[in-house]
Amino acid sequence: MDIWDRLQIKLNSYWDILILSIPKIAISLFILCVFILLAYSLGKIFRRKMGKSNADSITIGFLIRITKFILISVGFIVAFHAMGFEGIAGGLLAGAGMGAIIIGLAFKDIGENFLAGIILVFDRPFDVGDVVNINNNMGVVRSLLFRTTHIKSFDGKDVYVPNAAIIRNDVLNFTRDGLLRHEFIIGMDYDDDVDGALALIYKTVNAHPKVITDLNTQAIVNEFAPNTINIKVLFWIDTLDYKNEALLTKSEVMRDVKNALSAAKFTLPANIQEIKAYQGQPVPITIQYAEGLPKPDPTSAK
């Protein structure tokens, strides 16, 4: 019997084994599909039930991912067992503990970030849609993943911050309760009526429709600067839509205050430099003209 005859006999035996194994393979695939469908069905049920209980979307998304991962993993183990690979299934279960140690050592950062994600789920420093600043990464939280947190910056960048870095650093949440205080400084001339300016600023700020007047709007003298009396203006706004509301509202309030003061004939001086000459000495000023430009005629000066 030559090699080709032996090869044909082997292939025929393998084909017979495959035919006999088709029922087990079909059952195993059916079991795996059931577990996959169960995982996604439970995910939808959890999302619907937890949504009704006002659970935050960060918790919902994270728990759904963990549930799917566990159910699909169990489905693979049961499917291997149904196909007759009890040794593989038992090995997966027996090696789970040791595998966790090995994986933990080999992928320390991944395990650390995963555990940090679980902490963030229960600690809840932010929710999906909140505007946060983490390690100078400012933007809107999109999702909490197993290893990272997805932030969409205001200039369109997708930033993925490791979860472990979040729990080790300060998290600035600008929209947690929907309130944020803005402030700016405007300079008044020393000869102006300060009390009148303060009253006008207070009235103008509170007249803006997006300023929360129930909270304490303030206009106070902040500093006696060399050229101006600096007035600090503080007011509260709604920041649920931080990008469109907070930033634009501050700009509009500053514009309204400037226009109101100018219309009331208040002086908003620029930076003034005062030069003094003592004991009749000439003022040391040199005027330089750009090349190619004609110099003015001194005799024509009035």
C-alpha atoms as a PDB file:
ATOM      1  CA  MET A   1       0.000   0.000   0.000  1.00  0.00           C
ATOM      2  CA  ASP A   2       1.535   3.240  -1.097  1.00  0.00           C
ATOM      3  CA  ILE A   3       1.405   6.599   0.673  1.00  0.00           C
ATOM      4  CA  TRP A   4      -1.558   7.880  -1.322  1.00  0.00           C
ATOM      5  CA  ASP A   5      -3.682   4.905  -0.338  1.00  0.00           C
ATOM      6  CA  ARG A   6      -2.824   5.425   3.335  1.00  0.00           C
ATOM      7  CA  LEU A   7      -3.620   9.140   3.007  1.00  0.00           C
ATOM      8  CA  GLN A   8      -6.987   8.369   1.418  1.00  0.00           C
ATOM      9  CA  ILE A   9      -7.832   5.931   4.235  1.00  0.00           C
ATOM     10  CA  LYS A  10      -6.952   8.600   6.839  1.00  0.00           C
ATOM     11  CA  LEU A  11      -9.026  11.240   5.102  1.00  0.00           C
ATOM     12  CA  ASN A  12     -11.983   8.878   4.887  1.00  0.00           C
ATOM     13  CA  SER A  13     -11.704   8.127   8.595  1.00  0.00           C
ATOM     14  CA  TYR A  14     -11.590  11.826   9.396  1.00  0.00           C
ATOM     15  CA  TRP A  15     -14.631  12.382   7.200  1.00  0.00           C
ATOM     16  CA  ASP A  16     -16.527   9.642   9.017  1.00  0.00           C
ATOM     17  CA  ILE A  17     -15.595  11.216  12.361  1.00  0.00           C
ATOM     18  CA  LEU A  18     -16.757  14.600  11.109  1.00  0.00           C
ATOM     19  CA  ILE A  19     -20.087  13.173   9.954  1.00  0.00           C
ATOM     20  CA  LEU A  20     -20.597  11.488  13.299  1.00  0.00           C
ATOM     21  CA  SER A  21     -19.678  14.713  15.118  1.00  0.00           C
ATOM     22  CA  ILE A  22     -22.147  16.898  13.196  1.00  0.00           C
ATOM     23  CA  PRO A  23     -24.914  16.481  15.835  1.00  0.00           C
ATOM     24  CA  LYS A  24     -22.505  17.471  18.619  1.00  0.00           C
ATOM     25  CA  ILE A  25     -21.199  20.437  16.605  1.00  0.00           C
ATOM     26  CA  ALA A  26     -24.756  21.564  15.857  1.00  0.00           C
ATOM     27  CA  ILE A  27     -25.720  21.286  19.517  1.00  0.00           C
ATOM     28  CA  SER A  28     -22.586  23.167  20.580  1.00  0.00           C
ATOM     29  CA  LEU A  29     -23.215  25.970  18.081  1.00  0.00           C
ATOM     30  CA  PHE A  30     -26.845  26.120  19.201  1.00  0.00           C
ATOM     31  CA  ILE A  31     -25.778  26.404  22.851  1.00  0.00           C
ATOM     32  CA  LEU A  32     -23.260  29.132  22.006  1.00  0.00           C
ATOM     33  CA  CYS A  33     -25.863  31.069  20.006  1.00  0.00           C
ATOM     34  CA  VAL A  34     -28.323  30.765  22.908  1.00  0.00           C
ATOM     35  CA  PHE A  35     -25.791  32.236  25.331  1.00  0.00           C
ATOM     36  CA  ILE A  36     -24.918  35.052  22.914  1.00  0.00           C
ATOM     37  CA  LEU A  37     -28.595  35.886  22.385  1.00  0.00           C
ATOM     38  CA  LEU A  38     -29.160  35.653  26.137  1.00  0.00           C
ATOM     39  CA  ALA A  39     -26.265  38.053  26.753  1.00  0.00           C
ATOM     40  CA  TYR A  40     -27.619  40.668  24.346  1.00  0.00           C
ATOM     41  CA  SER A  41     -31.223  40.181  25.514  1.00  0.00           C
ATOM     42  CA  LEU A  42     -30.244  40.629  29.153  1.00  0.00           C
ATOM     43  CA  GLY A  43     -28.251  43.700  28.121  1.00  0.00           C
ATOM     44  CA  LYS A  44     -31.372  45.251  26.593  1.00  0.00           C
ATOM     45  CA  ILE A  45     -33.465  44.290  29.628  1.00  0.00           C
ATOM     46  CA  PHE A  46     -30.895  45.800  32.016  1.00  0.00           C
ATOM     47  CA  ARG A  47     -30.751  48.976  29.961  1.00  0.00           C
ATOM     48  CA  ARG A  48     -34.531  49.297  29.976  1.00  0.00           C
ATOM     49  CA  LYS A  49     -35.044  48.426  33.652  1.00  0.00           C
ATOM     50  CA  MET A  50     -32.127  50.475  34.958  1.00  0.00           C
ATOM     51  CA  GLY A  51     -33.149  53.357  32.725  1.00  0.00           C
ATOM     52  CA  LYS A  52     -36.515  53.419  34.455  1.00  0.00           C
ATOM     53  CA  SER A  53     -34.785  53.468  37.848  1.00  0.00           C
ATOM     54  CA  ASN A  54     -32.873  56.629  36.858  1.00  0.00           C
ATOM     55  CA  ALA A  55     -29.508  54.837  37.034  1.00  0.00           C
ATOM     56  CA  ASP A  56     -26.789  56.814  35.305  1.00  0.00           C
ATOM     57  CA  SER A  57     -25.698  55.693  31.844  1.00  0.00           C
ATOM     58  CA  ILE A  58     -22.095  55.120  32.977  1.00  0.00           C
ATOM     59  CA  THR A  59     -23.226  52.366  35.373  1.00  0.00           C
ATOM     60  CA  ILE A  60     -25.651  50.882  32.856  1.00  0.00           C
ATOM     61  CA  GLY A  61     -23.092  50.638  30.071  1.00  0.00           C
ATOM     62  CA  PHE A  62     -20.354  49.179  32.265  1.00  0.00           C
ATOM     63  CA  LEU A  63     -22.581  46.524  33.870  1.00  0.00           C
ATOM     64  CA  ILE A  64     -23.984  45.504  30.482  1.00  0.00           C
ATOM     65  CA  ARG A  65     -20.475  44.979  29.087  1.00  0.00           C
ATOM     66  CA  ILE A  66     -19.473  42.834  32.072  1.00  0.00           C
ATOM     67  CA  THR A  67     -22.679  40.777  31.828  1.00  0.00           C
ATOM     68  CA  LYS A  68     -22.146  40.095  28.115  1.00  0.00           C
ATOM     69  CA  PHE A  69     -18.527  39.101  28.678  1.00  0.00           C
ATOM     70  CA  ILE A  70     -19.383  36.636  31.466  1.00  0.00           C
ATOM     71  CA  LEU A  71     -22.322  35.006  29.635  1.00  0.00           C
ATOM     72  CA  ILE A  72     -20.451  34.600  26.347  1.00  0.00           C
ATOM     73  CA  SER A  73     -17.449  33.102  28.189  1.00  0.00           C
ATOM     74  CA  VAL A  74     -19.718  30.608  29.961  1.00  0.00           C
ATOM     75  CA  GLY A  75     -21.313  29.809  26.594  1.00  0.00           C
ATOM     76  CA  PHE A  76     -17.948  28.830  25.114  1.00  0.00           C
ATOM     77  CA  ILE A  77     -17.177  26.558  28.082  1.00  0.00           C
ATOM     78  CA  VAL A  78     -20.583  24.804  27.860  1.00  0.00           C
ATOM     79  CA  ALA A  79     -20.227  24.467  24.077  1.00  0.00           C
ATOM     80  CA  PHE A  80     -16.814  22.781  24.445  1.00  0.00           C
ATOM     81  CA  HIS A  81     -18.305  20.403  26.992  1.00  0.00           C
ATOM     82  CA  ALA A  82     -21.213  19.528  24.674  1.00  0.00           C
ATOM     83  CA  MET A  83     -18.773  18.710  21.850  1.00  0.00           C
ATOM     84  CA  GLY A  84     -17.014  16.217  24.095  1.00  0.00           C
ATOM     85  CA  PHE A  85     -14.041  18.392  24.932  1.00  0.00           C
ATOM     86  CA  GLU A  86     -14.494  17.979  28.662  1.00  0.00           C
ATOM     87  CA  GLY A  87     -10.758  18.306  29.159  1.00  0.00           C
ATOM     88  CA  ILE A  88     -10.729  21.725  27.485  1.00  0.00           C
ATOM     89  CA  ALA A  89     -13.762  22.926  29.413  1.00  0.00           C
ATOM     90  CA  GLY A  90     -12.357  21.618  32.686  1.00  0.00           C
ATOM     91  CA  GLY A  91      -8.997  23.138  31.884  1.00  0.00           C
ATOM     92  CA  LEU A  92     -10.601  26.521  31.274  1.00  0.00           C
ATOM     93  CA  LEU A  93     -12.354  26.388  34.635  1.00  0.00           C
ATOM     94  CA  ALA A  94      -9.389  24.951  36.535  1.00  0.00           C
ATOM     95  CA  GLY A  95      -6.991  27.404  34.969  1.00  0.00           C
ATOM     96  CA  ALA A  96      -9.172  30.431  35.561  1.00  0.00           C
ATOM     97  CA  GLY A  97      -7.526  31.240  38.870  1.00  0.00           C
ATOM     98  CA  MET A  98      -3.984  30.723  37.658  1.00  0.00           C
ATOM     99  CA  GLY A  99      -4.805  32.422  34.381  1.00  0.00           C
ATOM    100  CA  ALA A 100      -6.067  35.451  36.260  1.00  0.00           C
ATOM    101  CA  ILE A 101      -2.751  35.670  38.130  1.00  0.00           C
ATOM    102  CA  ILE A 102      -0.697  35.274  34.951  1.00  0.00           C
ATOM    103  CA  ILE A 103      -2.804  37.759  33.024  1.00  0.00           C
ATOM    104  CA  GLY A 104      -2.693  40.143  35.958  1.00  0.00           C
ATOM    105  CA  LEU A 105       1.100  40.059  35.986  1.00  0.00           C
ATOM    106  CA  ALA A 106       1.468  40.221  32.211  1.00  0.00           C
ATOM    107  CA  PHE A 107      -1.132  42.929  31.739  1.00  0.00           C
ATOM    108  CA  LYS A 108      -0.807  44.880  34.961  1.00  0.00           C
ATOM    109  CA  ASP A 109      -1.891  48.154  33.409  1.00  0.00           C
ATOM    110  CA  ILE A 110      -4.959  46.582  31.795  1.00  0.00           C
ATOM    111  CA  GLY A 111      -6.029  45.011  35.091  1.00  0.00           C
ATOM    112  CA  GLU A 112      -5.387  48.241  36.965  1.00  0.00           C
ATOM    113  CA  ASN A 113      -7.477  50.250  34.510  1.00  0.00           C
ATOM    114  CA  PHE A 114     -10.265  47.673  34.588  1.00  0.00           C
ATOM    115  CA  LEU A 115     -10.471  47.799  38.393  1.00  0.00           C
ATOM    116  CA  ALA A 116     -10.327  51.602  38.203  1.00  0.00           C
ATOM    117  CA  GLY A 117     -13.311  51.485  35.841  1.00  0.00           C
ATOM    118  CA  ILE A 118     -15.280  49.498  38.426  1.00  0.00           C
ATOM    119  CA  ILE A 119     -14.386  52.105  41.062  1.00  0.00           C
ATOM    120  CA  LEU A 120     -15.553  54.889  38.743  1.00  0.00           C
ATOM    121  CA  VAL A 121     -18.880  53.105  38.249  1.00  0.00           C
ATOM    122  CA  PHE A 122     -19.596  53.215  41.979  1.00  0.00           C
ATOM    123  CA  ASP A 123     -17.857  56.524  42.712  1.00  0.00           C
ATOM    124  CA  ARG A 124     -19.573  58.316  39.787  1.00  0.00           C
ATOM    125  CA  PRO A 125     -17.519  61.510  39.455  1.00  0.00           C
ATOM    126  CA  PHE A 126     -19.150  62.076  36.056  1.00  0.00           C
ATOM    127  CA  ASP A 127     -21.870  60.803  33.754  1.00  0.00           C
ATOM    128  CA  VAL A 128     -22.198  60.547  29.992  1.00  0.00           C
ATOM    129  CA  GLY A 129     -22.682  64.063  28.621  1.00  0.00           C
ATOM    130  CA  ASP A 130     -20.874  65.836  31.472  1.00  0.00           C
ATOM    131  CA  VAL A 131     -18.152  68.355  30.634  1.00  0.00           C
ATOM    132  CA  VAL A 132     -14.985  67.436  32.529  1.00  0.00           C
ATOM    133  CA  ASN A 133     -11.322  68.398  32.680  1.00  0.00           C
ATOM    134  CA  ILE A 134      -8.964  65.491  33.425  1.00  0.00           C
ATOM    135  CA  ASN A 135      -5.204  66.001  33.135  1.00  0.00           C
ATOM    136  CA  ASN A 136      -5.833  69.102  30.983  1.00  0.00           C
ATOM    137  CA  ASN A 137      -8.098  67.045  28.698  1.00  0.00           C
ATOM    138  CA  MET A 138     -11.355  68.992  28.578  1.00  0.00           C
ATOM    139  CA  GLY A 139     -14.435  67.782  26.764  1.00  0.00           C
ATOM    140  CA  VAL A 140     -17.698  65.856  26.915  1.00  0.00           C
ATOM    141  CA  VAL A 141     -17.731  62.335  28.397  1.00  0.00           C
ATOM    142  CA  ARG A 142     -18.934  59.862  25.762  1.00  0.00           C
ATOM    143  CA  SER A 143     -18.526  56.476  27.487  1.00  0.00           C
ATOM    144  CA  LEU A 144     -16.734  54.512  30.196  1.00  0.00           C
ATOM    145  CA  LEU A 145     -14.946  51.521  28.654  1.00  0.00           C
ATOM    146  CA  PHE A 146     -13.158  48.599  30.317  1.00  0.00           C
ATOM    147  CA  ARG A 147      -9.743  50.293  30.135  1.00  0.00           C
ATOM    148  CA  THR A 148     -10.331  53.936  29.217  1.00  0.00           C
ATOM    149  CA  THR A 149     -12.842  56.765  29.391  1.00  0.00           C
ATOM    150  CA  HIS A 150     -13.796  58.327  26.050  1.00  0.00           C
ATOM    151  CA  ILE A 151     -13.854  62.142  26.033  1.00  0.00           C
ATOM    152  CA  LYS A 152     -14.814  64.258  23.017  1.00  0.00           C
ATOM    153  CA  SER A 153     -12.917  67.546  23.154  1.00  0.00           C
ATOM    154  CA  PHE A 154     -14.466  70.804  21.974  1.00  0.00           C
ATOM    155  CA  ASP A 155     -12.108  70.947  18.997  1.00  0.00           C
ATOM    156  CA  GLY A 156     -13.289  67.540  17.760  1.00  0.00           C
ATOM    157  CA  LYS A 157     -10.571  65.278  19.165  1.00  0.00           C
ATOM    158  CA  ASP A 158     -11.412  61.854  20.608  1.00  0.00           C
ATOM    159  CA  VAL A 159      -9.416  61.484  23.831  1.00  0.00           C
ATOM    160  CA  TYR A 160      -9.152  58.127  25.640  1.00  0.00           C
ATOM    161  CA  VAL A 161      -7.964  58.662  29.211  1.00  0.00           C
ATOM    162  CA  PRO A 162      -6.828  55.554  31.171  1.00  0.00           C
ATOM    163  CA  ASN A 163      -9.223  54.882  34.029  1.00  0.00           C
ATOM    164  CA  ALA A 164      -6.367  54.500  36.519  1.00  0.00           C
ATOM    165  CA  ALA A 165      -5.170  58.015  35.679  1.00  0.00           C
ATOM    166  CA  ILE A 166      -8.633  59.374  36.454  1.00  0.00           C
ATOM    167  CA  ILE A 167      -8.812  57.977  39.986  1.00  0.00           C
ATOM    168  CA  ARG A 168      -5.277  59.220  40.715  1.00  0.00           C
ATOM    169  CA  ASN A 169      -5.906  62.811  39.585  1.00  0.00           C
ATOM    170  CA  ASP A 170      -8.371  65.622  40.139  1.00  0.00           C
ATOM    171  CA  VAL A 171     -11.523  65.554  38.028  1.00  0.00           C
ATOM    172  CA  LEU A 172     -13.128  68.934  37.294  1.00  0.00           C
ATOM    173  CA  ASN A 173     -16.808  68.471  36.448  1.00  0.00           C
ATOM    174  CA  PHE A 174     -18.362  71.628  35.008  1.00  0.00           C
ATOM    175  CA  THR A 175     -21.903  70.329  34.556  1.00  0.00           C
ATOM    176  CA  ARG A 176     -22.563  68.013  37.515  1.00  0.00           C
ATOM    177  CA  ASP A 177     -25.335  70.153  39.010  1.00  0.00           C
ATOM    178  CA  GLY A 178     -25.910  72.394  35.979  1.00  0.00           C
ATOM    179  CA  LEU A 179     -24.558  75.526  37.686  1.00  0.00           C
ATOM    180  CA  LEU A 180     -21.337  77.425  37.113  1.00  0.00           C
ATOM    181  CA  ARG A 181     -20.127  80.824  38.252  1.00  0.00           C
ATOM    182  CA  HIS A 182     -18.370  82.990  35.698  1.00  0.00           C
ATOM    183  CA  GLU A 183     -16.382  86.140  36.391  1.00  0.00           C
ATOM    184  CA  PHE A 184     -14.528  88.872  34.578  1.00  0.00           C
ATOM    185  CA  ILE A 185     -12.846  92.191  35.398  1.00  0.00           C
ATOM    186  CA  ILE A 186     -13.522  95.557  33.792  1.00  0.00           C
ATOM    187  CA  GLY A 187     -11.572  98.768  34.456  1.00  0.00           C
ATOM    188  CA  MET A 188     -13.157 102.165  35.266  1.00  0.00           C
ATOM    189  CA  ASP A 189     -11.613 105.619  35.200  1.00  0.00           C
ATOM    190  CA  TYR A 190     -10.749 107.128  38.613  1.00  0.00           C
ATOM    191  CA  ASP A 191     -12.933 110.147  37.830  1.00  0.00           C
ATOM    192  CA  ASP A 192     -16.051 108.054  37.126  1.00  0.00           C
ATOM    193  CA  ASP A 193     -18.918 107.438  39.538  1.00  0.00           C
ATOM    194  CA  VAL A 194     -18.029 104.021  40.927  1.00  0.00           C
ATOM    195  CA  ASP A 195     -21.353 103.474  42.713  1.00  0.00           C
ATOM    196  CA  GLY A 196     -23.264 104.324  39.541  1.00  0.00           C
ATOM    197  CA  ALA A 197     -21.086 101.949  37.518  1.00  0.00           C
ATOM    198  CA  LEU A 198     -21.614  99.107  40.013  1.00  0.00           C
ATOM    199  CA  ALA A 199     -25.385  99.576  39.939  1.00  0.00           C
ATOM    200  CA  LEU A 200     -25.455  99.677  36.135  1.00  0.00           C
ATOM    201  CA  ILE A 201     -23.297  96.568  35.820  1.00  0.00           C
ATOM    202  CA  TYR A 202     -25.470  94.662  38.309  1.00  0.00           C
ATOM    203  CA  LYS A 203     -28.632  95.634  36.428  1.00  0.00           C
ATOM    204  CA  THR A 204     -27.156  94.778  33.015  1.00  0.00           C
ATOM    205  CA  VAL A 205     -25.888  91.351  34.055  1.00  0.00           C
ATOM    206  CA  ASN A 206     -29.191  90.327  35.629  1.00  0.00           C
ATOM    207  CA  ALA A 207     -31.056  91.504  32.530  1.00  0.00           C
ATOM    208  CA  HIS A 208     -29.471  88.747  30.460  1.00  0.00           C
ATOM    209  CA  PRO A 209     -32.040  85.942  30.015  1.00  0.00           C
ATOM    210  CA  LYS A 210     -29.553  83.124  30.710  1.00  0.00           C
ATOM    211  CA  VAL A 211     -28.153  84.538  33.955  1.00  0.00           C
ATOM    212  CA  ILE A 212     -29.642  82.895  37.049  1.00  0.00           C
ATOM    213  CA  THR A 213     -30.858  85.860  39.065  1.00  0.00           C
ATOM    214  CA  ASP A 214     -31.924  83.728  42.035  1.00  0.00           C
ATOM    215  CA  LEU A 215     -28.251  83.275  42.884  1.00  0.00           C
ATOM    216  CA  ASN A 216     -25.974  86.038  44.043  1.00  0.00           C
ATOM    217  CA  THR A 217     -24.835  88.269  41.171  1.00  0.00           C
ATOM    218  CA  GLN A 218     -22.049  90.573  42.337  1.00  0.00           C
ATOM    219  CA  ALA A 219     -20.210  93.629  41.042  1.00  0.00           C
ATOM    220  CA  ILE A 220     -17.479  94.683  43.479  1.00  0.00           C
ATOM    221  CA  VAL A 221     -14.407  96.899  43.491  1.00  0.00           C
ATOM    222  CA  ASN A 222     -11.511  94.484  43.154  1.00  0.00           C
ATOM    223  CA  GLU A 223      -8.327  96.544  42.792  1.00  0.00           C
ATOM    224  CA  PHE A 224      -6.880 100.017  42.509  1.00  0.00           C
ATOM    225  CA  ALA A 225      -4.687  99.530  39.446  1.00  0.00           C
ATOM    226  CA  PRO A 226      -2.242 102.192  38.151  1.00  0.00           C
ATOM    227  CA  ASN A 227      -4.677 103.430  35.481  1.00  0.00           C
ATOM    228  CA  THR A 228      -8.080 102.026  36.439  1.00  0.00           C
ATOM    229  CA  ILE A 229     -10.354 101.011  39.246  1.00  0.00           C
ATOM    230  CA  ASN A 230     -10.888  97.317  38.479  1.00  0.00           C
ATOM    231  CA  ILE A 231     -14.371  95.962  39.068  1.00  0.00           C
ATOM    232  CA  LYS A 232     -14.911  92.203  39.338  1.00  0.00           C
ATOM    233  CA  VAL A 233     -18.226  90.886  38.036  1.00  0.00           C
ATOM    234  CA  LEU A 234     -19.498  87.474  39.225  1.00  0.00           C
ATOM    235  CA  PHE A 235     -22.654  85.746  37.992  1.00  0.00           C
ATOM    236  CA  TRP A 236     -24.165  82.254  37.744  1.00  0.00           C
ATOM    237  CA  ILE A 237     -25.362  80.494  34.612  1.00  0.00           C
ATOM    238  CA  ASP A 238     -26.841  77.166  33.526  1.00  0.00           C
ATOM    239  CA  THR A 239     -24.116  74.850  32.193  1.00  0.00           C
ATOM    240  CA  LEU A 240     -26.001  71.726  31.124  1.00  0.00           C
ATOM    241  CA  ASP A 241     -24.969  72.647  27.584  1.00  0.00           C
ATOM    242  CA  TYR A 242     -21.526  73.967  28.464  1.00  0.00           C
ATOM    243  CA  LYS A 243     -20.188  74.571  24.970  1.00  0.00           C
ATOM    244  CA  ASN A 244     -23.169  76.539  23.671  1.00  0.00           C
ATOM    245  CA  GLU A 245     -24.461  78.073  26.876  1.00  0.00           C
ATOM    246  CA  ALA A 246     -21.600  78.773  29.257  1.00  0.00           C
ATOM    247  CA  LEU A 247     -19.016  80.140  26.844  1.00  0.00           C
ATOM    248  CA  LEU A 248     -21.424  82.152  24.688  1.00  0.00           C
ATOM    249  CA  THR A 249     -23.349  83.479  27.668  1.00  0.00           C
ATOM    250  CA  LYS A 250     -20.183  84.871  29.266  1.00  0.00           C
ATOM    251  CA  SER A 251     -19.242  86.556  26.004  1.00  0.00           C
ATOM    252  CA  GLU A 252     -22.702  88.083  25.662  1.00  0.00           C
ATOM    253  CA  VAL A 253     -22.723  89.355  29.258  1.00  0.00           C
ATOM    254  CA  MET A 254     -19.306  90.997  28.823  1.00  0.00           C
ATOM    255  CA  ARG A 255     -20.494  92.620  25.603  1.00  0.00           C
ATOM    256  CA  ASP A 256     -23.686  93.925  27.221  1.00  0.00           C
ATOM    257  CA  VAL A 257     -21.770  95.401  30.179  1.00  0.00           C
ATOM    258  CA  LYS A 258     -19.284  97.169  27.917  1.00  0.00           C
ATOM    259  CA  ASN A 259     -22.052  98.610  25.719  1.00  0.00           C
ATOM    260  CA  ALA A 260     -24.084  99.737  28.737  1.00  0.00           C
ATOM    261  CA  LEU A 261     -21.132 101.540  30.339  1.00  0.00           C
ATOM    262  CA  SER A 262     -20.162 103.197  27.067  1.00  0.00           C
ATOM    263  CA  ALA A 263     -23.750 104.345  26.467  1.00  0.00           C
ATOM    264  CA  ALA A 264     -23.836 105.838  29.982  1.00  0.00           C
ATOM    265  CA  LYS A 265     -20.632 107.833  29.205  1.00  0.00           C
ATOM    266  CA  PHE A 266     -18.431 105.870  31.585  1.00  0.00           C
ATOM    267  CA  THR A 267     -14.763 105.884  30.595  1.00  0.00           C
ATOM    268  CA  LEU A 268     -13.013 102.595  29.960  1.00  0.00           C
ATOM    269  CA  PRO A 269      -9.395 103.756  29.789  1.00  0.00           C
ATOM    270  CA  ALA A 270      -6.603 101.914  28.062  1.00  0.00           C
ATOM    271  CA  ASN A 271      -3.194 101.365  29.595  1.00  0.00           C
ATOM    272  CA  ILE A 272      -1.752 104.869  30.110  1.00  0.00           C
ATOM    273  CA  GLN A 273       1.975 105.531  30.460  1.00  0.00           C
ATOM    274  CA  GLU A 274       2.961 108.727  32.331  1.00  0.00           C
ATOM    275  CA  ILE A 275       6.399 110.244  31.649  1.00  0.00           C
ATOM    276  CA  LYS A 276       7.818 112.912  33.960  1.00  0.00           C
ATOM    277  CA  ALA A 277      10.865 115.142  33.386  1.00  0.00           C
ATOM    278  CA  TYR A 278      12.562 116.617  36.460  1.00  0.00           C
ATOM    279  CA  GLN A 279      14.776 119.762  36.866  1.00  0.00           C
ATOM    280  CA  GLY A 280      14.114 120.983  33.347  1.00  0.00           C
ATOM    281  CA  GLN A 281      15.730 117.983  31.677  1.00  0.00           C
ATOM    282  CA  PRO A 282      14.479 117.119  28.153  1.00  0.00           C
ATOM    283  CA  VAL A 283      12.194 114.161  27.772  1.00  0.00           C
ATOM    284  CA  PRO A 284      14.245 111.238  26.383  1.00  0.00           C
ATOM    285  CA  ILE A 285      11.954 110.270  23.503  1.00  0.00           C
ATOM    286  CA  THR A 286      13.177 109.076  20.148  1.00  0.00           C
ATOM    287  CA  ILE A 287      10.785 108.708  17.223  1.00  0.00           C
ATOM    288  CA  GLN A 288      11.778 106.262  14.525  1.00  0.00           C
ATOM    289  CA  TYR A 289      10.049 106.110  11.167  1.00  0.00           C
ATOM    290  CA  ALA A 290       9.762 102.999   9.042  1.00  0.00           C
ATOM    291  CA  GLU A 291      11.847 102.908   5.902  1.00  0.00           C
ATOM    292  CA  GLY A 292      10.089 104.094   2.744  1.00  0.00           C
ATOM    293  CA  LEU A 293       7.590 106.284   4.606  1.00  0.00           C
ATOM    294  CA  PRO A 294       7.797 110.087   4.310  1.00  0.00           C
ATOM    295  CA  LYS A 295       8.676 111.981   7.460  1.00  0.00           C
ATOM    296  CA  PRO A 296       6.162 114.631   8.606  1.00  0.00           C
ATOM    297  CA  ASP A 297       7.015 118.310   8.168  1.00  0.00           C
ATOM    298  CA  PRO A 298       7.555 119.839  11.653  1.00  0.00           C
ATOM    299  CA  THR A 299       6.485 123.281  10.404  1.00  0.00           C
ATOM    300  CA  SER A 300       3.053 121.928   9.528  1.00  0.00           C
ATOM    301  CA  ALA A 301       2.333 120.820  13.077  1.00  0.00           C
ATOM    302  CA  LYS A 302      -0.283 122.857  14.852  1.00  0.00           C
END
